[in-house]
Protein backbone atom coordinates (compact mmCIF):
# COMPACT_ATOMS: atom_id res chain seq x y z
CA MET A 1 11.38 -78.31 -47.92
CA ASP A 2 13.91 -80.98 -48.94
CA LYS A 3 13.78 -83.05 -45.76
CA VAL A 4 11.05 -82.87 -43.17
CA ARG A 5 12.48 -82.70 -39.64
CA ILE A 6 10.58 -85.05 -37.33
CA GLY A 7 10.68 -85.37 -33.56
CA PHE A 8 9.37 -88.50 -31.81
CA VAL A 9 7.59 -88.39 -28.47
CA GLY A 10 7.74 -91.91 -27.13
CA VAL A 11 9.55 -94.90 -28.66
CA GLY A 12 7.87 -97.83 -26.96
CA THR A 13 6.49 -100.92 -28.69
CA MET A 14 4.32 -99.32 -31.39
CA GLY A 15 6.49 -96.20 -31.50
CA GLN A 16 9.41 -98.30 -32.66
CA CYS A 17 7.90 -101.10 -34.72
CA ALA A 18 4.93 -99.37 -36.37
CA HIS A 19 6.38 -95.90 -36.84
CA LEU A 20 10.04 -95.05 -36.16
CA LYS A 21 11.46 -97.88 -38.27
CA ASN A 22 9.49 -96.52 -41.24
CA TYR A 23 10.28 -92.81 -40.84
CA VAL A 24 14.04 -93.33 -40.58
CA THR A 25 14.12 -94.94 -44.05
CA LEU A 26 12.19 -92.22 -45.91
CA THR A 27 14.41 -90.17 -48.19
CA ASP A 28 12.45 -86.94 -47.70
CA CYS A 29 12.34 -87.24 -43.91
CA GLU A 30 14.88 -86.93 -41.10
CA VAL A 31 14.17 -88.05 -37.55
CA ILE A 32 16.33 -85.63 -35.59
CA ALA A 33 15.16 -86.15 -32.01
CA ILE A 34 13.57 -88.57 -29.55
CA ALA A 35 11.81 -87.58 -26.34
CA GLU A 36 11.45 -90.60 -24.07
CA LEU A 37 10.90 -90.83 -20.30
CA ARG A 38 12.94 -94.06 -20.10
CA PRO A 39 16.56 -92.92 -20.58
CA LYS A 40 18.15 -96.32 -21.21
CA LEU A 41 15.52 -97.19 -23.80
CA ALA A 42 15.90 -93.78 -25.45
CA ARG A 43 19.67 -94.16 -25.82
CA ARG A 44 19.46 -97.69 -27.22
CA VAL A 45 16.73 -96.81 -29.73
CA ALA A 46 18.58 -93.66 -30.83
CA ALA A 47 21.75 -95.67 -31.37
CA ARG A 48 20.05 -98.32 -33.48
CA TYR A 49 18.20 -95.84 -35.69
CA SER A 50 20.92 -93.15 -35.81
CA VAL A 51 18.78 -90.45 -34.23
CA PRO A 52 21.21 -87.68 -33.15
CA ASN A 53 19.38 -86.08 -30.22
CA VAL A 54 17.71 -87.57 -27.15
CA TYR A 55 15.63 -85.66 -24.59
CA ARG A 56 14.11 -86.50 -21.22
CA ASP A 57 10.64 -85.33 -22.26
CA HIS A 58 8.70 -83.48 -24.95
CA ARG A 59 9.05 -80.11 -23.25
CA GLU A 60 12.83 -80.28 -23.38
CA MET A 61 12.75 -81.37 -27.01
CA LEU A 62 10.35 -78.63 -28.11
CA ALA A 63 12.39 -75.98 -26.32
CA THR A 64 15.55 -77.03 -28.18
CA GLU A 65 14.69 -78.36 -31.63
CA ARG A 66 13.26 -76.77 -34.75
CA LEU A 67 10.78 -79.34 -36.00
CA ASP A 68 8.50 -79.62 -39.03
CA GLY A 69 6.37 -82.36 -37.50
CA ILE A 70 5.90 -84.44 -34.35
CA VAL A 71 5.03 -88.13 -34.07
CA ALA A 72 3.62 -88.90 -30.61
CA VAL A 73 2.72 -92.56 -30.12
CA GLN A 74 1.18 -92.76 -26.66
CA GLN A 75 -1.73 -94.44 -24.90
CA PHE A 76 -4.90 -92.76 -26.13
CA THR A 77 -6.10 -92.20 -22.56
CA GLN A 78 -3.22 -89.71 -22.17
CA HIS A 79 -3.86 -87.70 -25.34
CA GLY A 80 -5.85 -84.99 -23.57
CA LEU A 81 -2.92 -84.11 -21.34
CA LEU A 82 -0.16 -84.42 -23.94
CA VAL A 83 -1.51 -83.39 -27.35
CA PRO A 84 -2.54 -79.78 -26.53
CA GLU A 85 1.02 -79.15 -25.28
CA LEU A 86 2.50 -80.57 -28.48
CA LEU A 87 0.19 -78.46 -30.63
CA GLU A 88 1.55 -75.31 -28.99
CA ALA A 89 4.71 -75.89 -31.03
CA GLY A 90 2.66 -74.84 -34.08
CA VAL A 91 3.68 -77.79 -36.28
CA PRO A 92 1.63 -80.80 -37.47
CA VAL A 93 1.26 -83.65 -35.00
CA PHE A 94 0.61 -87.35 -35.63
CA ILE A 95 -0.98 -89.59 -32.97
CA GLU A 96 -2.25 -93.14 -32.96
CA LYS A 97 -5.96 -93.89 -32.97
CA PRO A 98 -8.36 -93.22 -31.33
CA LEU A 99 -8.41 -89.49 -30.75
CA ALA A 100 -9.12 -89.87 -27.01
CA GLY A 101 -10.76 -92.04 -24.39
CA SER A 102 -13.90 -89.92 -24.18
CA ILE A 103 -15.87 -87.45 -26.26
CA GLU A 104 -15.17 -84.67 -23.75
CA VAL A 105 -11.41 -85.09 -24.03
CA GLY A 106 -11.72 -85.41 -27.81
CA GLU A 107 -13.55 -82.07 -27.94
CA LYS A 108 -10.79 -80.51 -25.86
CA ILE A 109 -8.20 -81.74 -28.35
CA VAL A 110 -10.20 -80.45 -31.33
CA GLN A 111 -10.35 -77.01 -29.70
CA ALA A 112 -6.60 -77.12 -29.10
CA VAL A 113 -6.06 -77.92 -32.79
CA LYS A 114 -8.16 -74.92 -33.85
CA LYS A 115 -6.28 -72.65 -31.46
CA SER A 116 -2.88 -73.88 -32.64
CA GLY A 117 -3.30 -72.94 -36.31
CA THR A 118 -1.87 -76.30 -37.40
CA TRP A 119 -3.39 -79.78 -37.81
CA LEU A 120 -3.46 -83.18 -36.16
CA MET A 121 -3.41 -86.45 -38.10
CA VAL A 122 -4.89 -89.49 -36.34
CA GLY A 123 -3.31 -92.81 -37.21
CA TYR A 124 -5.99 -94.82 -38.96
CA HIS A 125 -3.38 -96.76 -40.92
CA LYS A 126 -5.98 -98.78 -42.84
CA ARG A 127 -6.76 -95.65 -44.87
CA SER A 128 -3.11 -95.57 -45.95
CA ASP A 129 -2.91 -99.16 -47.15
CA PRO A 130 -2.27 -98.96 -50.93
CA ALA A 131 -5.29 -101.23 -51.41
CA THR A 132 -7.60 -98.95 -49.43
CA MET A 133 -6.28 -95.89 -51.26
CA TYR A 134 -6.97 -97.64 -54.57
CA VAL A 135 -10.48 -98.69 -53.47
CA LYS A 136 -11.34 -95.21 -52.21
CA THR A 137 -10.37 -93.69 -55.57
CA GLU A 138 -12.44 -96.28 -57.47
CA VAL A 139 -15.47 -95.92 -55.19
CA ASP A 140 -15.45 -92.14 -55.60
CA LYS A 141 -15.17 -92.51 -59.40
CA LEU A 142 -18.10 -94.94 -59.52
CA LYS A 143 -20.25 -92.69 -57.36
CA ARG A 144 -19.57 -89.77 -59.73
CA SER A 145 -19.99 -91.67 -62.99
CA GLY A 146 -22.90 -93.92 -61.99
CA GLU A 147 -21.63 -96.55 -64.43
CA LEU A 148 -22.45 -99.37 -61.98
CA GLY A 149 -25.51 -97.71 -60.54
CA LYS A 150 -25.94 -96.43 -57.02
CA MET A 151 -23.93 -97.52 -54.02
CA ARG A 152 -26.17 -99.85 -52.02
CA TYR A 153 -24.20 -101.57 -49.28
CA VAL A 154 -20.89 -101.64 -47.39
CA ARG A 155 -19.90 -104.64 -45.28
CA ILE A 156 -16.82 -104.78 -43.04
CA LEU A 157 -15.71 -108.08 -41.50
CA MET A 158 -13.19 -107.99 -38.62
CA PRO A 159 -12.53 -111.30 -36.87
CA PRO A 160 -9.72 -111.29 -34.27
CA GLY A 161 -6.48 -112.91 -35.35
CA ASP A 162 -2.71 -112.53 -35.30
CA TRP A 163 -2.43 -108.78 -35.86
CA VAL A 164 1.30 -108.67 -35.01
CA GLN A 165 2.60 -111.20 -37.61
CA ASN A 166 6.12 -111.14 -36.09
CA GLY A 167 6.15 -107.36 -36.22
CA PHE A 168 7.86 -107.09 -32.83
CA VAL A 169 10.87 -109.33 -33.50
CA ASP A 170 13.25 -106.35 -33.62
CA LEU A 171 11.72 -104.48 -30.67
CA ILE A 172 14.18 -102.94 -28.20
CA ARG A 173 12.76 -103.64 -24.77
CA SER A 174 13.28 -101.98 -21.41
CA ASP A 175 12.64 -102.86 -17.76
CA GLU A 176 12.29 -99.19 -16.84
CA VAL A 177 8.91 -98.37 -15.31
CA VAL A 178 7.16 -95.04 -15.81
CA GLN A 179 3.86 -94.00 -14.21
CA LEU A 180 1.88 -91.54 -16.32
CA GLU A 181 -1.23 -89.57 -15.45
CA CYS A 182 -4.34 -90.42 -17.48
CA ASP A 183 -7.18 -88.25 -18.74
CA PRO A 184 -10.35 -88.19 -16.62
CA PRO A 185 -12.97 -90.84 -17.46
CA ALA A 186 -16.14 -89.98 -19.36
CA SER A 187 -18.48 -88.09 -17.03
CA ASP A 188 -21.62 -89.58 -18.61
CA MET A 189 -20.60 -93.23 -18.05
CA ASP A 190 -20.32 -95.40 -14.96
CA GLU A 191 -17.09 -97.32 -14.40
CA GLU A 192 -18.27 -100.54 -16.05
CA THR A 193 -19.65 -98.74 -19.13
CA TYR A 194 -16.48 -96.68 -19.47
CA LYS A 195 -14.31 -99.80 -19.42
CA GLU A 196 -16.48 -101.33 -22.14
CA TYR A 197 -16.22 -98.09 -24.15
CA LEU A 198 -12.42 -98.03 -23.87
CA SER A 199 -12.20 -101.65 -24.97
CA PHE A 200 -14.48 -101.06 -27.95
CA VAL A 201 -12.74 -97.93 -29.24
CA ASN A 202 -9.32 -99.48 -28.73
CA TYR A 203 -10.16 -102.44 -30.94
CA TYR A 204 -12.97 -101.52 -33.34
CA ILE A 205 -12.50 -97.79 -33.90
CA HIS A 206 -10.55 -98.65 -37.06
CA GLN A 207 -13.66 -100.22 -38.57
CA ILE A 208 -15.90 -97.38 -37.36
CA ASN A 209 -13.59 -95.00 -39.21
CA LEU A 210 -13.16 -97.18 -42.30
CA LEU A 211 -16.93 -97.42 -42.77
CA ARG A 212 -17.21 -93.61 -42.97
CA HIS A 213 -14.21 -93.50 -45.31
CA LEU A 214 -15.85 -95.94 -47.73
CA PHE A 215 -19.28 -94.30 -47.44
CA GLY A 216 -17.63 -90.96 -48.17
CA GLU A 217 -20.11 -89.27 -45.82
CA PRO A 218 -21.37 -89.27 -42.21
CA TYR A 219 -23.48 -92.10 -40.83
CA HIS A 220 -25.29 -93.19 -37.69
CA VAL A 221 -25.82 -96.57 -36.03
CA GLU A 222 -29.33 -97.97 -36.36
CA TYR A 223 -29.03 -101.37 -34.71
CA ALA A 224 -26.73 -103.23 -32.34
CA ASP A 225 -27.14 -107.00 -32.13
CA PRO A 226 -27.27 -108.03 -28.43
CA SER A 227 -24.55 -110.61 -29.00
CA GLY A 228 -22.12 -107.81 -29.85
CA VAL A 229 -21.35 -109.34 -33.26
CA LEU A 230 -23.25 -107.03 -35.61
CA LEU A 231 -23.47 -103.26 -36.01
CA VAL A 232 -25.90 -101.88 -38.62
CA ALA A 233 -25.51 -98.32 -39.86
CA ARG A 234 -27.10 -95.95 -42.36
CA SER A 235 -25.24 -93.21 -44.19
CA LYS A 236 -26.41 -89.69 -44.87
CA ASP A 237 -27.60 -90.77 -48.35
CA ASN A 238 -29.33 -93.90 -46.99
CA VAL A 239 -26.67 -96.45 -47.87
CA THR A 240 -26.72 -99.46 -45.55
CA GLY A 241 -23.53 -100.53 -43.83
CA VAL A 242 -22.64 -103.31 -41.41
CA ILE A 243 -19.64 -104.16 -39.30
CA GLU A 244 -19.31 -107.80 -38.30
CA MET A 245 -17.21 -107.97 -35.15
CA SER A 246 -15.72 -111.27 -34.04
CA PRO A 247 -18.15 -113.72 -35.66
CA TYR A 248 -15.18 -116.12 -35.40
CA SER A 249 -11.46 -115.87 -34.68
CA THR A 250 -8.23 -117.15 -36.20
CA THR A 251 -4.86 -118.02 -34.65
CA LEU A 252 -2.18 -117.53 -37.33
CA ASP A 253 -4.15 -115.64 -39.96
CA TRP A 254 -5.75 -112.22 -40.34
CA GLN A 255 -8.99 -112.11 -42.36
CA GLU A 256 -10.21 -108.52 -42.32
CA SER A 257 -12.19 -107.41 -45.37
CA ALA A 258 -14.55 -104.76 -46.72
CA LEU A 259 -17.13 -105.17 -49.49
CA VAL A 260 -18.56 -102.12 -51.28
CA CYS A 261 -21.62 -102.95 -53.40
CA PHE A 262 -23.20 -101.03 -56.26
CA GLU A 263 -26.28 -102.01 -58.24
CA HIS A 264 -24.20 -103.66 -60.99
CA GLY A 265 -20.95 -104.64 -59.33
CA TRP A 266 -18.78 -104.59 -56.27
CA ILE A 267 -15.32 -103.88 -54.92
CA ASN A 268 -13.79 -106.27 -52.40
CA LEU A 269 -10.94 -105.12 -50.16
CA ARG A 270 -8.86 -107.56 -48.13
CA LEU A 271 -6.50 -106.07 -45.56
CA PRO A 272 -3.37 -107.68 -44.10
CA ALA A 273 -2.47 -107.77 -40.43
CA PRO A 274 -1.54 -104.29 -39.13
CA LEU A 275 2.15 -105.13 -38.61
CA ALA A 276 2.64 -107.38 -41.64
CA TYR A 277 5.71 -106.00 -43.38
CA ASN A 278 5.89 -105.13 -47.11
CA ARG A 279 2.44 -106.56 -47.73
CA PRO A 280 -0.36 -104.37 -49.10
CA GLY A 281 -4.00 -105.35 -49.10
CA LYS A 282 -5.71 -107.00 -52.06
CA VAL A 283 -8.45 -105.63 -54.30
CA GLU A 284 -10.96 -107.37 -56.55
CA ILE A 285 -13.45 -105.44 -58.68
CA PHE A 286 -16.49 -107.00 -60.36
CA ARG A 287 -18.34 -105.08 -63.10
CA ASP A 288 -21.57 -106.25 -64.73
CA PRO A 289 -23.20 -103.12 -66.23
CA GLY A 290 -25.54 -105.12 -68.53
CA GLY A 291 -26.43 -104.07 -72.07
CA ARG A 292 -24.50 -107.03 -73.52
CA VAL A 293 -21.28 -105.79 -71.96
CA VAL A 294 -19.17 -108.77 -70.92
CA PRO A 295 -18.86 -108.87 -67.09
CA GLN A 296 -15.33 -108.42 -65.82
CA THR A 297 -13.42 -109.21 -62.66
CA ILE A 298 -10.32 -107.06 -62.23
CA VAL A 299 -7.49 -107.75 -59.75
CA PRO A 300 -5.02 -104.85 -59.78
CA GLN A 301 -1.37 -105.36 -58.85
CA LEU A 302 -0.47 -102.98 -56.03
CA PRO A 303 2.96 -101.77 -54.87
CA TRP A 304 4.67 -103.79 -52.14
CA ILE A 305 4.26 -101.18 -49.44
CA HIS A 306 2.54 -101.91 -46.14
CA ALA A 307 0.03 -99.58 -44.55
CA MET A 308 2.22 -98.33 -41.68
CA ARG A 309 5.00 -97.33 -44.06
CA GLN A 310 2.58 -95.66 -46.48
CA GLN A 311 1.04 -93.84 -43.53
CA SER A 312 4.42 -92.34 -42.60
CA MET A 313 4.86 -91.31 -46.24
CA ASN A 314 1.41 -89.70 -46.22
CA PHE A 315 2.15 -87.73 -43.04
CA VAL A 316 5.37 -86.37 -44.55
CA LYS A 317 3.57 -85.48 -47.79
CA ALA A 318 0.88 -83.68 -45.81
CA ILE A 319 3.53 -81.67 -43.95
CA LYS A 320 5.03 -80.68 -47.31
CA GLY A 321 1.60 -79.64 -48.59
CA GLU A 322 1.46 -82.35 -51.25
CA MET A 323 -1.76 -83.91 -49.91
CA LYS A 324 -4.32 -83.51 -47.15
CA PRO A 325 -3.89 -85.41 -43.88
CA MET A 326 -5.61 -88.78 -44.14
CA CYS A 327 -7.79 -88.24 -41.06
CA GLU A 328 -7.87 -85.10 -38.94
CA ALA A 329 -9.05 -84.52 -35.38
CA GLU A 330 -12.59 -83.36 -36.15
CA GLU A 331 -13.42 -86.50 -38.11
CA ALA A 332 -11.78 -88.70 -35.48
CA LEU A 333 -14.07 -87.08 -32.90
CA GLU A 334 -17.05 -88.35 -34.91
CA ASP A 335 -15.73 -91.89 -34.45
CA LEU A 336 -15.95 -91.49 -30.67
CA LYS A 337 -19.55 -90.30 -31.01
CA VAL A 338 -20.51 -93.22 -33.26
CA ALA A 339 -18.92 -95.62 -30.77
CA ARG A 340 -20.95 -94.15 -27.91
CA GLY A 341 -24.14 -94.36 -29.99
CA TYR A 342 -23.44 -98.00 -30.75
CA LEU A 343 -22.85 -98.94 -27.11
CA GLU A 344 -26.05 -97.16 -26.07
CA LEU A 345 -28.01 -99.23 -28.61
CA LEU A 346 -26.17 -102.37 -27.54
CA LYS A 347 -27.18 -101.80 -23.92
CA ARG A 348 -30.83 -101.35 -24.93
CA SER A 349 -30.75 -104.48 -27.11
CA ARG A 350 -29.39 -106.55 -24.25
CA GLU A 351 -31.96 -105.16 -21.83
CA LYS A 352 -34.78 -106.06 -24.25
CA LEU A 353 -33.38 -109.56 -24.70
CA SER A 354 -33.05 -110.01 -20.96
CA ALA A 355 -36.62 -108.80 -20.35
CA LYS A 356 -37.92 -111.21 -23.00
CA SER A 357 -36.01 -114.11 -21.46
CA ASN A 358 -37.41 -113.36 -18.00
CA ARG A 359 -41.06 -113.38 -19.06
């Protein structure tokens, strides 16, 4: 196909600034329709981005348009109601992370994907950052070759900071109010636990997913620090991994990083703020294989493409069959399970600490 025909379901804040503005500038893509419940917003967004067709909702759009792919940027607690309907169109669908607000709803979506005969790509944009793509290729090469020994350790640091970086300056806003039905809450959690779960997966599911991506294999959580700062994991092949969550915070900066260690070297990945424009991550590779080989530190120059734009390119390429989707529904479901396992351990750690304090 020369140009992939894309329909958008929802053009709110992230729909516009993280996704639509990238798709409309791709040469092998054409955004032909918007489905948006807020009519004034829909018309204004369509006018700015030269989208020819506007519909009241996704049902009207799907009944009228011939699409090659759908981008549906909605609240993740509504995915269980919306995504199965979109999949009935039989074309690939893109949604933002996480897959759903509960494991039960996530399983429902996975079943809908299998029934549809197509696929669902979940928007873990950090995988699409040119720096992460470079690191993933290098990590896989080193694991195969063994030239720096075995992989031993993966550390992800994610302090809160300014994740927007002026990414909403061109946002078209609307005072129209829409009330949408949400998916049911997790049946195995009380209200307080469910709120904590939603908060955790909304903010840290990126790092849960990135850890598996860098491991290149499944993992489970072994320890949760009662302060909520540290998560310790172990991969299928017994590689240790940690996620450091909010050990400190920044105001104007964004200092997210990932360190992948081998016996005789390491790869350091630094990621920019999610909405930083035309700014890829940075990579530094240290090699010290021994045997009188001079140690080297390599800093590759990466293309000036930001992760959200590369993600839109990757979705279009996947539709055209040029690559696999970066993260599909079944893997995204594993993220929800890891998150639940972590919170269960966190609860136990806090109970032990409380019992010790009360002795």
